[in-house]
Amino acid sequence: MKMLTAVVKPFKAEEVRDALAQIGVQGMTITEVKGFGRQKGHTELYRGAEYVVDFVPKVKLELAVREEQLDQAIEAIMKAAGTGKIGDGKIFVTDLEQVIRIRTGETGSEAI
């Protein structure tokens, strides 16, 4: 089992969710976050005053997938979240040792 953490542009979150649903991913957690990568923020103009936005709004998606779904899930996220411009985001893949469904006590892949 793997844990995918994807950080994407907020307006792409629905497209990513739909793409993942089409390949059979059944659940995920979505969090609104702020951060920066290579873009290191940007400058904006508001009512004639210039100010620096150090942290850019993003959406963090966290989902647990079976090994056999991993490549499909990564591909779906990349296609749905990609715009070809700086700031499209990142995908982090980590090993997932254990999953337990609280309601039923199911463990492992059955709990996903």
PDB file of N, CA and C in Angstrom:
ATOM      1  N   MET A   1       0.848  -1.176   0.000  1.00  0.00           N
ATOM      2  CA  MET A   1       0.000   0.000   0.000  1.00  0.00           C
ATOM      3  C   MET A   1       0.888   1.232   0.000  1.00  0.00           C
ATOM      4  N   LYS A   2       0.397   2.271  -0.637  1.00  0.00           N
ATOM      5  CA  LYS A   2       1.132   3.525  -0.725  1.00  0.00           C
ATOM      6  C   LYS A   2       0.232   4.680  -0.308  1.00  0.00           C
ATOM      7  N   MET A   3       0.864   5.723   0.224  1.00  0.00           N
ATOM      8  CA  MET A   3       0.166   6.964   0.533  1.00  0.00           C
ATOM      9  C   MET A   3       0.630   7.990  -0.488  1.00  0.00           C
ATOM     10  N   LEU A   4      -0.324   8.542  -1.219  1.00  0.00           N
ATOM     11  CA  LEU A   4      -0.032   9.604  -2.170  1.00  0.00           C
ATOM     12  C   LEU A   4      -0.435  10.926  -1.548  1.00  0.00           C
ATOM     13  N   THR A   5       0.464  11.864  -1.573  1.00  0.00           N
ATOM     14  CA  THR A   5       0.177  13.227  -1.144  1.00  0.00           C
ATOM     15  C   THR A   5       0.451  14.120  -2.336  1.00  0.00           C
ATOM     16  N   ALA A   6      -0.576  14.777  -2.831  1.00  0.00           N
ATOM     17  CA  ALA A   6      -0.430  15.659  -3.982  1.00  0.00           C
ATOM     18  C   ALA A   6      -0.786  17.077  -3.565  1.00  0.00           C
ATOM     19  N   VAL A   7       0.059  18.022  -3.964  1.00  0.00           N
ATOM     20  CA  VAL A   7      -0.196  19.437  -3.708  1.00  0.00           C
ATOM     21  C   VAL A   7      -0.438  20.071  -5.072  1.00  0.00           C
ATOM     22  N   VAL A   8      -1.664  20.590  -5.268  1.00  0.00           N
ATOM     23  CA  VAL A   8      -2.061  21.099  -6.583  1.00  0.00           C
ATOM     24  C   VAL A   8      -2.723  22.471  -6.461  1.00  0.00           C
ATOM     25  N   LYS A   9      -2.929  23.098  -7.600  1.00  0.00           N
ATOM     26  CA  LYS A   9      -3.633  24.383  -7.628  1.00  0.00           C
ATOM     27  C   LYS A   9      -5.085  24.159  -7.215  1.00  0.00           C
ATOM     28  N   PRO A  10      -5.646  25.087  -6.442  1.00  0.00           N
ATOM     29  CA  PRO A  10      -7.011  24.902  -5.926  1.00  0.00           C
ATOM     30  C   PRO A  10      -8.082  24.661  -6.995  1.00  0.00           C
ATOM     31  N   PHE A  11      -7.985  25.342  -8.120  1.00  0.00           N
ATOM     32  CA  PHE A  11      -9.017  25.194  -9.143  1.00  0.00           C
ATOM     33  C   PHE A  11      -8.922  23.862  -9.880  1.00  0.00           C
ATOM     34  N   LYS A  12      -7.882  23.070  -9.607  1.00  0.00           N
ATOM     35  CA  LYS A  12      -7.714  21.767 -10.234  1.00  0.00           C
ATOM     36  C   LYS A  12      -8.188  20.616  -9.334  1.00  0.00           C
ATOM     37  N   ALA A  13      -8.560  20.902  -8.101  1.00  0.00           N
ATOM     38  CA  ALA A  13      -8.914  19.851  -7.136  1.00  0.00           C
ATOM     39  C   ALA A  13     -10.083  18.987  -7.609  1.00  0.00           C
ATOM     40  N   GLU A  14     -11.119  19.589  -8.155  1.00  0.00           N
ATOM     41  CA  GLU A  14     -12.286  18.831  -8.613  1.00  0.00           C
ATOM     42  C   GLU A  14     -11.929  17.922  -9.789  1.00  0.00           C
ATOM     43  N   GLU A  15     -11.116  18.429 -10.698  1.00  0.00           N
ATOM     44  CA  GLU A  15     -10.697  17.627 -11.851  1.00  0.00           C
ATOM     45  C   GLU A  15      -9.884  16.421 -11.393  1.00  0.00           C
ATOM     46  N   VAL A  16      -9.011  16.632 -10.419  1.00  0.00           N
ATOM     47  CA  VAL A  16      -8.200  15.538  -9.884  1.00  0.00           C
ATOM     48  C   VAL A  16      -9.104  14.515  -9.205  1.00  0.00           C
ATOM     49  N   ARG A  17     -10.034  14.981  -8.407  1.00  0.00           N
ATOM     50  CA  ARG A  17     -10.953  14.071  -7.724  1.00  0.00           C
ATOM     51  C   ARG A  17     -11.732  13.230  -8.726  1.00  0.00           C
ATOM     52  N   ASP A  18     -12.243  13.860  -9.772  1.00  0.00           N
ATOM     53  CA  ASP A  18     -13.005  13.140 -10.793  1.00  0.00           C
ATOM     54  C   ASP A  18     -12.138  12.118 -11.522  1.00  0.00           C
ATOM     55  N   ALA A  19     -10.906  12.493 -11.846  1.00  0.00           N
ATOM     56  CA  ALA A  19      -9.992  11.581 -12.542  1.00  0.00           C
ATOM     57  C   ALA A  19      -9.669  10.368 -11.675  1.00  0.00           C
ATOM     58  N   LEU A  20      -9.477  10.593 -10.389  1.00  0.00           N
ATOM     59  CA  LEU A  20      -9.186   9.486  -9.479  1.00  0.00           C
ATOM     60  C   LEU A  20     -10.410   8.588  -9.289  1.00  0.00           C
ATOM     61  N   ALA A  21     -11.583   9.177  -9.250  1.00  0.00           N
ATOM     62  CA  ALA A  21     -12.808   8.391  -9.119  1.00  0.00           C
ATOM     63  C   ALA A  21     -12.998   7.481 -10.334  1.00  0.00           C
ATOM     64  N   GLN A  22     -12.622   7.966 -11.516  1.00  0.00           N
ATOM     65  CA  GLN A  22     -12.765   7.171 -12.739  1.00  0.00           C
ATOM     66  C   GLN A  22     -11.892   5.927 -12.734  1.00  0.00           C
ATOM     67  N   ILE A  23     -10.775   5.953 -12.013  1.00  0.00           N
ATOM     68  CA  ILE A  23      -9.916   4.761 -11.969  1.00  0.00           C
ATOM     69  C   ILE A  23     -10.197   3.898 -10.736  1.00  0.00           C
ATOM     70  N   GLY A  24     -11.186   4.293  -9.936  1.00  0.00           N
ATOM     71  CA  GLY A  24     -11.605   3.456  -8.823  1.00  0.00           C
ATOM     72  C   GLY A  24     -11.062   3.834  -7.462  1.00  0.00           C
ATOM     73  N   VAL A  25     -10.417   4.990  -7.340  1.00  0.00           N
ATOM     74  CA  VAL A  25      -9.971   5.448  -6.022  1.00  0.00           C
ATOM     75  C   VAL A  25     -11.205   5.898  -5.260  1.00  0.00           C
ATOM     76  N   GLN A  26     -11.409   5.329  -4.067  1.00  0.00           N
ATOM     77  CA  GLN A  26     -12.678   5.532  -3.376  1.00  0.00           C
ATOM     78  C   GLN A  26     -12.679   6.628  -2.334  1.00  0.00           C
ATOM     79  N   GLY A  27     -11.539   7.078  -1.861  1.00  0.00           N
ATOM     80  CA  GLY A  27     -11.565   8.100  -0.836  1.00  0.00           C
ATOM     81  C   GLY A  27     -10.284   8.896  -0.787  1.00  0.00           C
ATOM     82  N   MET A  28     -10.392  10.093  -0.273  1.00  0.00           N
ATOM     83  CA  MET A  28      -9.231  10.952  -0.115  1.00  0.00           C
ATOM     84  C   MET A  28      -9.553  12.045   0.887  1.00  0.00           C
ATOM     85  N   THR A  29      -8.521  12.662   1.391  1.00  0.00           N
ATOM     86  CA  THR A  29      -8.668  13.805   2.278  1.00  0.00           C
ATOM     87  C   THR A  29      -8.124  15.024   1.536  1.00  0.00           C
ATOM     88  N   ILE A  30      -8.873  16.111   1.559  1.00  0.00           N
ATOM     89  CA  ILE A  30      -8.455  17.336   0.887  1.00  0.00           C
ATOM     90  C   ILE A  30      -8.339  18.438   1.931  1.00  0.00           C
ATOM     91  N   THR A  31      -7.199  19.137   1.907  1.00  0.00           N
ATOM     92  CA  THR A  31      -6.935  20.217   2.853  1.00  0.00           C
ATOM     93  C   THR A  31      -6.491  21.454   2.092  1.00  0.00           C
ATOM     94  N   GLU A  32      -7.021  22.609   2.463  1.00  0.00           N
ATOM     95  CA  GLU A  32      -6.535  23.860   1.889  1.00  0.00           C
ATOM     96  C   GLU A  32      -5.260  24.246   2.620  1.00  0.00           C
ATOM     97  N   VAL A  33      -4.197  24.485   1.869  1.00  0.00           N
ATOM     98  CA  VAL A  33      -2.889  24.810   2.452  1.00  0.00           C
ATOM     99  C   VAL A  33      -2.292  26.012   1.740  1.00  0.00           C
ATOM    100  N   LYS A  34      -1.207  26.521   2.291  1.00  0.00           N
ATOM    101  CA  LYS A  34      -0.437  27.586   1.653  1.00  0.00           C
ATOM    102  C   LYS A  34       1.017  27.172   1.670  1.00  0.00           C
ATOM    103  N   GLY A  35       1.759  27.576   0.667  1.00  0.00           N
ATOM    104  CA  GLY A  35       3.169  27.237   0.625  1.00  0.00           C
ATOM    105  C   GLY A  35       3.834  27.869  -0.575  1.00  0.00           C
ATOM    106  N   PHE A  36       5.080  27.488  -0.798  1.00  0.00           N
ATOM    107  CA  PHE A  36       5.784  27.950  -1.980  1.00  0.00           C
ATOM    108  C   PHE A  36       6.832  26.927  -2.361  1.00  0.00           C
ATOM    109  N   GLY A  37       7.153  26.937  -3.627  1.00  0.00           N
ATOM    110  CA  GLY A  37       8.208  26.080  -4.161  1.00  0.00           C
ATOM    111  C   GLY A  37       9.191  26.962  -4.882  1.00  0.00           C
ATOM    112  N   ARG A  38       9.462  26.629  -6.106  1.00  0.00           N
ATOM    113  CA  ARG A  38      10.400  27.428  -6.900  1.00  0.00           C
ATOM    114  C   ARG A  38       9.881  28.826  -7.183  1.00  0.00           C
ATOM    115  N   GLN A  39       8.553  28.974  -7.208  1.00  0.00           N
ATOM    116  CA  GLN A  39       8.001  30.297  -7.522  1.00  0.00           C
ATOM    117  C   GLN A  39       8.257  31.300  -6.399  1.00  0.00           C
ATOM    118  N   LYS A  40       8.453  30.829  -5.186  1.00  0.00           N
ATOM    119  CA  LYS A  40       8.770  31.682  -4.029  1.00  0.00           C
ATOM    120  C   LYS A  40       7.811  32.861  -3.875  1.00  0.00           C
ATOM    121  N   GLY A  41       6.547  32.601  -4.099  1.00  0.00           N
ATOM    122  CA  GLY A  41       5.547  33.661  -3.952  1.00  0.00           C
ATOM    123  C   GLY A  41       5.562  34.587  -5.152  1.00  0.00           C
ATOM    124  N   HIS A  42       4.827  35.687  -5.039  1.00  0.00           N
ATOM    125  CA  HIS A  42       4.772  36.655  -6.124  1.00  0.00           C
ATOM    126  C   HIS A  42       4.304  38.006  -5.588  1.00  0.00           C
ATOM    127  N   THR A  43       4.389  39.008  -6.435  1.00  0.00           N
ATOM    128  CA  THR A  43       3.978  40.359  -6.060  1.00  0.00           C
ATOM    129  C   THR A  43       2.609  40.651  -6.671  1.00  0.00           C
ATOM    130  N   GLU A  44       1.724  41.258  -5.895  1.00  0.00           N
ATOM    131  CA  GLU A  44       0.403  41.638  -6.394  1.00  0.00           C
ATOM    132  C   GLU A  44       0.160  43.110  -6.117  1.00  0.00           C
ATOM    133  N   LEU A  45      -0.771  43.661  -6.849  1.00  0.00           N
ATOM    134  CA  LEU A  45      -1.147  45.059  -6.685  1.00  0.00           C
ATOM    135  C   LEU A  45      -2.572  45.101  -6.148  1.00  0.00           C
ATOM    136  N   TYR A  46      -2.800  45.791  -5.025  1.00  0.00           N
ATOM    137  CA  TYR A  46      -4.126  45.902  -4.438  1.00  0.00           C
ATOM    138  C   TYR A  46      -4.379  47.348  -4.067  1.00  0.00           C
ATOM    139  N   ARG A  47      -5.388  47.953  -4.694  1.00  0.00           N
ATOM    140  CA  ARG A  47      -5.742  49.353  -4.461  1.00  0.00           C
ATOM    141  C   ARG A  47      -4.539  50.274  -4.565  1.00  0.00           C
ATOM    142  N   GLY A  48      -3.755  50.020  -5.583  1.00  0.00           N
ATOM    143  CA  GLY A  48      -2.611  50.883  -5.851  1.00  0.00           C
ATOM    144  C   GLY A  48      -1.367  50.572  -5.044  1.00  0.00           C
ATOM    145  N   ALA A  49      -1.470  49.692  -4.069  1.00  0.00           N
ATOM    146  CA  ALA A  49      -0.312  49.347  -3.242  1.00  0.00           C
ATOM    147  C   ALA A  49       0.208  47.969  -3.661  1.00  0.00           C
ATOM    148  N   GLU A  50       1.504  47.867  -3.784  1.00  0.00           N
ATOM    149  CA  GLU A  50       2.128  46.605  -4.148  1.00  0.00           C
ATOM    150  C   GLU A  50       2.491  45.843  -2.879  1.00  0.00           C
ATOM    151  N   TYR A  51       2.214  44.554  -2.864  1.00  0.00           N
ATOM    152  CA  TYR A  51       2.593  43.751  -1.711  1.00  0.00           C
ATOM    153  C   TYR A  51       3.030  42.367  -2.170  1.00  0.00           C
ATOM    154  N   VAL A  52       3.796  41.704  -1.337  1.00  0.00           N
ATOM    155  CA  VAL A  52       4.356  40.398  -1.675  1.00  0.00           C
ATOM    156  C   VAL A  52       3.501  39.303  -1.051  1.00  0.00           C
ATOM    157  N   VAL A  53       3.139  38.325  -1.868  1.00  0.00           N
ATOM    158  CA  VAL A  53       2.430  37.149  -1.385  1.00  0.00           C
ATOM    159  C   VAL A  53       3.487  36.052  -1.241  1.00  0.00           C
ATOM    160  N   ASP A  54       3.912  35.797  -0.003  1.00  0.00           N
ATOM    161  CA  ASP A  54       4.969  34.816   0.246  1.00  0.00           C
ATOM    162  C   ASP A  54       4.485  33.384   0.100  1.00  0.00           C
ATOM    163  N   PHE A  55       3.239  33.133   0.485  1.00  0.00           N
ATOM    164  CA  PHE A  55       2.704  31.785   0.445  1.00  0.00           C
ATOM    165  C   PHE A  55       1.537  31.732  -0.532  1.00  0.00           C
ATOM    166  N   VAL A  56       1.597  30.792  -1.439  1.00  0.00           N
ATOM    167  CA  VAL A  56       0.600  30.654  -2.493  1.00  0.00           C
ATOM    168  C   VAL A  56      -0.455  29.630  -2.047  1.00  0.00           C
ATOM    169  N   PRO A  57      -1.740  29.924  -2.245  1.00  0.00           N
ATOM    170  CA  PRO A  57      -2.783  28.962  -1.866  1.00  0.00           C
ATOM    171  C   PRO A  57      -2.693  27.701  -2.726  1.00  0.00           C
ATOM    172  N   LYS A  58      -2.802  26.557  -2.079  1.00  0.00           N
ATOM    173  CA  LYS A  58      -2.767  25.258  -2.752  1.00  0.00           C
ATOM    174  C   LYS A  58      -3.780  24.341  -2.079  1.00  0.00           C
ATOM    175  N   VAL A  59      -3.981  23.176  -2.659  1.00  0.00           N
ATOM    176  CA  VAL A  59      -4.828  22.150  -2.079  1.00  0.00           C
ATOM    177  C   VAL A  59      -3.974  20.895  -1.934  1.00  0.00           C
ATOM    178  N   LYS A  60      -4.036  20.280  -0.748  1.00  0.00           N
ATOM    179  CA  LYS A  60      -3.293  19.039  -0.513  1.00  0.00           C
ATOM    180  C   LYS A  60      -4.279  17.878  -0.498  1.00  0.00           C
ATOM    181  N   LEU A  61      -4.024  16.900  -1.358  1.00  0.00           N
ATOM    182  CA  LEU A  61      -4.839  15.697  -1.453  1.00  0.00           C
ATOM    183  C   LEU A  61      -4.043  14.536  -0.873  1.00  0.00           C
ATOM    184  N   GLU A  62      -4.661  13.779   0.009  1.00  0.00           N
ATOM    185  CA  GLU A  62      -4.002  12.617   0.586  1.00  0.00           C
ATOM    186  C   GLU A  62      -4.884  11.402   0.315  1.00  0.00           C
ATOM    187  N   LEU A  63      -4.289  10.350  -0.249  1.00  0.00           N
ATOM    188  CA  LEU A  63      -5.054   9.157  -0.545  1.00  0.00           C
ATOM    189  C   LEU A  63      -4.199   7.913  -0.414  1.00  0.00           C
ATOM    190  N   ALA A  64      -4.823   6.869   0.064  1.00  0.00           N
ATOM    191  CA  ALA A  64      -4.170   5.571   0.190  1.00  0.00           C
ATOM    192  C   ALA A  64      -4.583   4.729  -1.005  1.00  0.00           C
ATOM    193  N   VAL A  65      -3.595   4.104  -1.660  1.00  0.00           N
ATOM    194  CA  VAL A  65      -3.880   3.269  -2.822  1.00  0.00           C
ATOM    195  C   VAL A  65      -3.162   1.927  -2.707  1.00  0.00           C
ATOM    196  N   ARG A  66      -3.708   0.940  -3.365  1.00  0.00           N
ATOM    197  CA  ARG A  66      -3.045  -0.361  -3.457  1.00  0.00           C
ATOM    198  C   ARG A  66      -1.883  -0.233  -4.440  1.00  0.00           C
ATOM    199  N   GLU A  67      -0.897  -1.099  -4.294  1.00  0.00           N
ATOM    200  CA  GLU A  67       0.285  -1.070  -5.173  1.00  0.00           C
ATOM    201  C   GLU A  67      -0.114  -1.095  -6.649  1.00  0.00           C
ATOM    202  N   GLU A  68      -1.115  -1.920  -6.982  1.00  0.00           N
ATOM    203  CA  GLU A  68      -1.497  -2.058  -8.392  1.00  0.00           C
ATOM    204  C   GLU A  68      -2.199  -0.820  -8.947  1.00  0.00           C
ATOM    205  N   GLN A  69      -2.683   0.068  -8.089  1.00  0.00           N
ATOM    206  CA  GLN A  69      -3.327   1.309  -8.537  1.00  0.00           C
ATOM    207  C   GLN A  69      -2.358   2.481  -8.590  1.00  0.00           C
ATOM    208  N   LEU A  70      -1.167   2.315  -8.068  1.00  0.00           N
ATOM    209  CA  LEU A  70      -0.239   3.436  -7.888  1.00  0.00           C
ATOM    210  C   LEU A  70       0.051   4.186  -9.179  1.00  0.00           C
ATOM    211  N   ASP A  71       0.504   3.492 -10.212  1.00  0.00           N
ATOM    212  CA  ASP A  71       0.874   4.168 -11.460  1.00  0.00           C
ATOM    213  C   ASP A  71      -0.314   4.857 -12.110  1.00  0.00           C
ATOM    214  N   GLN A  72      -1.472   4.201 -12.061  1.00  0.00           N
ATOM    215  CA  GLN A  72      -2.691   4.807 -12.613  1.00  0.00           C
ATOM    216  C   GLN A  72      -3.058   6.075 -11.856  1.00  0.00           C
ATOM    217  N   ALA A  73      -2.949   6.041 -10.534  1.00  0.00           N
ATOM    218  CA  ALA A  73      -3.302   7.207  -9.716  1.00  0.00           C
ATOM    219  C   ALA A  73      -2.355   8.370  -9.995  1.00  0.00           C
ATOM    220  N   ILE A  74      -1.071   8.084 -10.087  1.00  0.00           N
ATOM    221  CA  ILE A  74      -0.096   9.142 -10.381  1.00  0.00           C
ATOM    222  C   ILE A  74      -0.383   9.756 -11.738  1.00  0.00           C
ATOM    223  N   GLU A  75      -0.628   8.913 -12.738  1.00  0.00           N
ATOM    224  CA  GLU A  75      -0.934   9.394 -14.083  1.00  0.00           C
ATOM    225  C   GLU A  75      -2.199  10.255 -14.086  1.00  0.00           C
ATOM    226  N   ALA A  76      -3.229   9.819 -13.376  1.00  0.00           N
ATOM    227  CA  ALA A  76      -4.491  10.565 -13.322  1.00  0.00           C
ATOM    228  C   ALA A  76      -4.287  11.934 -12.683  1.00  0.00           C
ATOM    229  N   ILE A  77      -3.518  11.992 -11.607  1.00  0.00           N
ATOM    230  CA  ILE A  77      -3.252  13.269 -10.940  1.00  0.00           C
ATOM    231  C   ILE A  77      -2.472  14.193 -11.863  1.00  0.00           C
ATOM    232  N   MET A  78      -1.437  13.659 -12.501  1.00  0.00           N
ATOM    233  CA  MET A  78      -0.609  14.489 -13.386  1.00  0.00           C
ATOM    234  C   MET A  78      -1.411  15.067 -14.545  1.00  0.00           C
ATOM    235  N   LYS A  79      -2.261  14.234 -15.166  1.00  0.00           N
ATOM    236  CA  LYS A  79      -3.068  14.719 -16.292  1.00  0.00           C
ATOM    237  C   LYS A  79      -4.085  15.760 -15.849  1.00  0.00           C
ATOM    238  N   ALA A  80      -4.756  15.499 -14.730  1.00  0.00           N
ATOM    239  CA  ALA A  80      -5.824  16.393 -14.282  1.00  0.00           C
ATOM    240  C   ALA A  80      -5.284  17.696 -13.686  1.00  0.00           C
ATOM    241  N   ALA A  81      -4.141  17.644 -13.022  1.00  0.00           N
ATOM    242  CA  ALA A  81      -3.626  18.833 -12.329  1.00  0.00           C
ATOM    243  C   ALA A  81      -2.690  19.663 -13.195  1.00  0.00           C
ATOM    244  N   GLY A  82      -2.205  19.092 -14.267  1.00  0.00           N
ATOM    245  CA  GLY A  82      -1.207  19.792 -15.075  1.00  0.00           C
ATOM    246  C   GLY A  82      -1.766  20.916 -15.916  1.00  0.00           C
ATOM    247  N   THR A  83      -1.071  22.034 -15.903  1.00  0.00           N
ATOM    248  CA  THR A  83      -1.399  23.161 -16.786  1.00  0.00           C
ATOM    249  C   THR A  83      -0.207  23.507 -17.672  1.00  0.00           C
ATOM    250  N   GLY A  84       0.950  22.951 -17.321  1.00  0.00           N
ATOM    251  CA  GLY A  84       2.167  23.261 -18.063  1.00  0.00           C
ATOM    252  C   GLY A  84       2.859  24.524 -17.588  1.00  0.00           C
ATOM    253  N   LYS A  85       2.339  25.106 -16.527  1.00  0.00           N
ATOM    254  CA  LYS A  85       2.914  26.345 -15.991  1.00  0.00           C
ATOM    255  C   LYS A  85       3.525  26.101 -14.630  1.00  0.00           C
ATOM    256  N   ILE A  86       4.388  26.989 -14.208  1.00  0.00           N
ATOM    257  CA  ILE A  86       5.026  26.881 -12.901  1.00  0.00           C
ATOM    258  C   ILE A  86       3.960  26.870 -11.807  1.00  0.00           C
ATOM    259  N   GLY A  87       4.187  26.055 -10.799  1.00  0.00           N
ATOM    260  CA  GLY A  87       3.250  25.996  -9.682  1.00  0.00           C
ATOM    261  C   GLY A  87       2.189  24.923  -9.810  1.00  0.00           C
ATOM    262  N   ASP A  88       2.320  24.004 -10.781  1.00  0.00           N
ATOM    263  CA  ASP A  88       1.332  22.931 -10.939  1.00  0.00           C
ATOM    264  C   ASP A  88       1.288  22.012  -9.724  1.00  0.00           C
ATOM    265  N   GLY A  89       2.388  21.895  -8.996  1.00  0.00           N
ATOM    266  CA  GLY A  89       2.377  21.119  -7.765  1.00  0.00           C
ATOM    267  C   GLY A  89       3.333  19.951  -7.781  1.00  0.00           C
ATOM    268  N   LYS A  90       3.159  19.093  -6.804  1.00  0.00           N
ATOM    269  CA  LYS A  90       4.024  17.924  -6.635  1.00  0.00           C
ATOM    270  C   LYS A  90       3.201  16.747  -6.139  1.00  0.00           C
ATOM    271  N   ILE A  91       3.749  15.537  -6.354  1.00  0.00           N
ATOM    272  CA  ILE A  91       3.162  14.307  -5.828  1.00  0.00           C
ATOM    273  C   ILE A  91       4.243  13.617  -5.010  1.00  0.00           C
ATOM    274  N   PHE A  92       3.908  13.253  -3.795  1.00  0.00           N
ATOM    275  CA  PHE A  92       4.824  12.531  -2.915  1.00  0.00           C
ATOM    276  C   PHE A  92       4.264  11.131  -2.700  1.00  0.00           C
ATOM    277  N   VAL A  93       5.109  10.114  -2.818  1.00  0.00           N
ATOM    278  CA  VAL A  93       4.698   8.733  -2.630  1.00  0.00           C
ATOM    279  C   VAL A  93       5.466   8.166  -1.440  1.00  0.00           C
ATOM    280  N   THR A  94       4.730   7.647  -0.463  1.00  0.00           N
ATOM    281  CA  THR A  94       5.366   7.041   0.716  1.00  0.00           C
ATOM    282  C   THR A  94       4.741   5.678   0.975  1.00  0.00           C
ATOM    283  N   ASP A  95       5.520   4.830   1.632  1.00  0.00           N
ATOM    284  CA  ASP A  95       5.009   3.519   2.014  1.00  0.00           C
ATOM    285  C   ASP A  95       3.981   3.680   3.129  1.00  0.00           C
ATOM    286  N   LEU A  96       2.978   2.833   3.084  1.00  0.00           N
ATOM    287  CA  LEU A  96       1.916   2.851   4.076  1.00  0.00           C
ATOM    288  C   LEU A  96       1.942   1.504   4.785  1.00  0.00           C
ATOM    289  N   GLU A  97       2.328   1.507   6.034  1.00  0.00           N
ATOM    290  CA  GLU A  97       2.494   0.260   6.772  1.00  0.00           C
ATOM    291  C   GLU A  97       1.181  -0.431   7.096  1.00  0.00           C
ATOM    292  N   GLN A  98       0.200   0.323   7.559  1.00  0.00           N
ATOM    293  CA  GLN A  98      -1.030  -0.287   8.025  1.00  0.00           C
ATOM    294  C   GLN A  98      -2.201   0.669   7.832  1.00  0.00           C
ATOM    295  N   VAL A  99      -3.345   0.104   7.501  1.00  0.00           N
ATOM    296  CA  VAL A  99      -4.601   0.855   7.417  1.00  0.00           C
ATOM    297  C   VAL A  99      -5.637   0.069   8.208  1.00  0.00           C
ATOM    298  N   ILE A 100      -6.400   0.768   9.032  1.00  0.00           N
ATOM    299  CA  ILE A 100      -7.441   0.116   9.826  1.00  0.00           C
ATOM    300  C   ILE A 100      -8.735   0.911   9.678  1.00  0.00           C
ATOM    301  N   ARG A 101      -9.796   0.233   9.270  1.00  0.00           N
ATOM    302  CA  ARG A 101     -11.113   0.884   9.213  1.00  0.00           C
ATOM    303  C   ARG A 101     -11.713   0.795  10.609  1.00  0.00           C
ATOM    304  N   ILE A 102     -11.960   1.922  11.212  1.00  0.00           N
ATOM    305  CA  ILE A 102     -12.419   1.975  12.601  1.00  0.00           C
ATOM    306  C   ILE A 102     -13.754   1.261  12.783  1.00  0.00           C
ATOM    307  N   ARG A 103     -14.698   1.494  11.894  1.00  0.00           N
ATOM    308  CA  ARG A 103     -16.046   0.941  12.048  1.00  0.00           C
ATOM    309  C   ARG A 103     -16.053  -0.581  12.078  1.00  0.00           C
ATOM    310  N   THR A 104     -15.315  -1.219  11.151  1.00  0.00           N
ATOM    311  CA  THR A 104     -15.398  -2.674  11.029  1.00  0.00           C
ATOM    312  C   THR A 104     -14.196  -3.421  11.565  1.00  0.00           C
ATOM    313  N   GLY A 105     -13.086  -2.703  11.759  1.00  0.00           N
ATOM    314  CA  GLY A 105     -11.873  -3.357  12.205  1.00  0.00           C
ATOM    315  C   GLY A 105     -11.084  -3.992  11.077  1.00  0.00           C
ATOM    316  N   GLU A 106     -11.532  -3.810   9.828  1.00  0.00           N
ATOM    317  CA  GLU A 106     -10.792  -4.341   8.680  1.00  0.00           C
ATOM    318  C   GLU A 106      -9.403  -3.717   8.644  1.00  0.00           C
ATOM    319  N   THR A 107      -8.436  -4.484   8.165  1.00  0.00           N
ATOM    320  CA  THR A 107      -7.071  -3.982   8.086  1.00  0.00           C
ATOM    321  C   THR A 107      -6.511  -4.206   6.693  1.00  0.00           C
ATOM    322  N   GLY A 108      -5.400  -3.534   6.413  1.00  0.00           N
ATOM    323  CA  GLY A 108      -4.709  -3.692   5.150  1.00  0.00           C
ATOM    324  C   GLY A 108      -5.514  -3.181   3.968  1.00  0.00           C
ATOM    325  N   SER A 109      -5.351  -3.846   2.819  1.00  0.00           N
ATOM    326  CA  SER A 109      -6.017  -3.409   1.577  1.00  0.00           C
ATOM    327  C   SER A 109      -7.532  -3.401   1.699  1.00  0.00           C
ATOM    328  N   GLU A 110      -8.097  -4.295   2.515  1.00  0.00           N
ATOM    329  CA  GLU A 110      -9.557  -4.322   2.671  1.00  0.00           C
ATOM    330  C   GLU A 110     -10.073  -3.042   3.318  1.00  0.00           C
ATOM    331  N   ALA A 111      -9.241  -2.383   4.108  1.00  0.00           N
ATOM    332  CA  ALA A 111      -9.651  -1.160   4.804  1.00  0.00           C
ATOM    333  C   ALA A 111      -9.646   0.056   3.885  1.00  0.00           C
ATOM    334  N   ILE A 112      -8.933  -0.045   2.771  1.00  0.00           N
ATOM    335  CA  ILE A 112      -8.891   1.082   1.825  1.00  0.00           C
ATOM    336  C   ILE A 112     -10.215   1.146   1.123  1.00  0.00           C
TER     337      ILE A 112
END
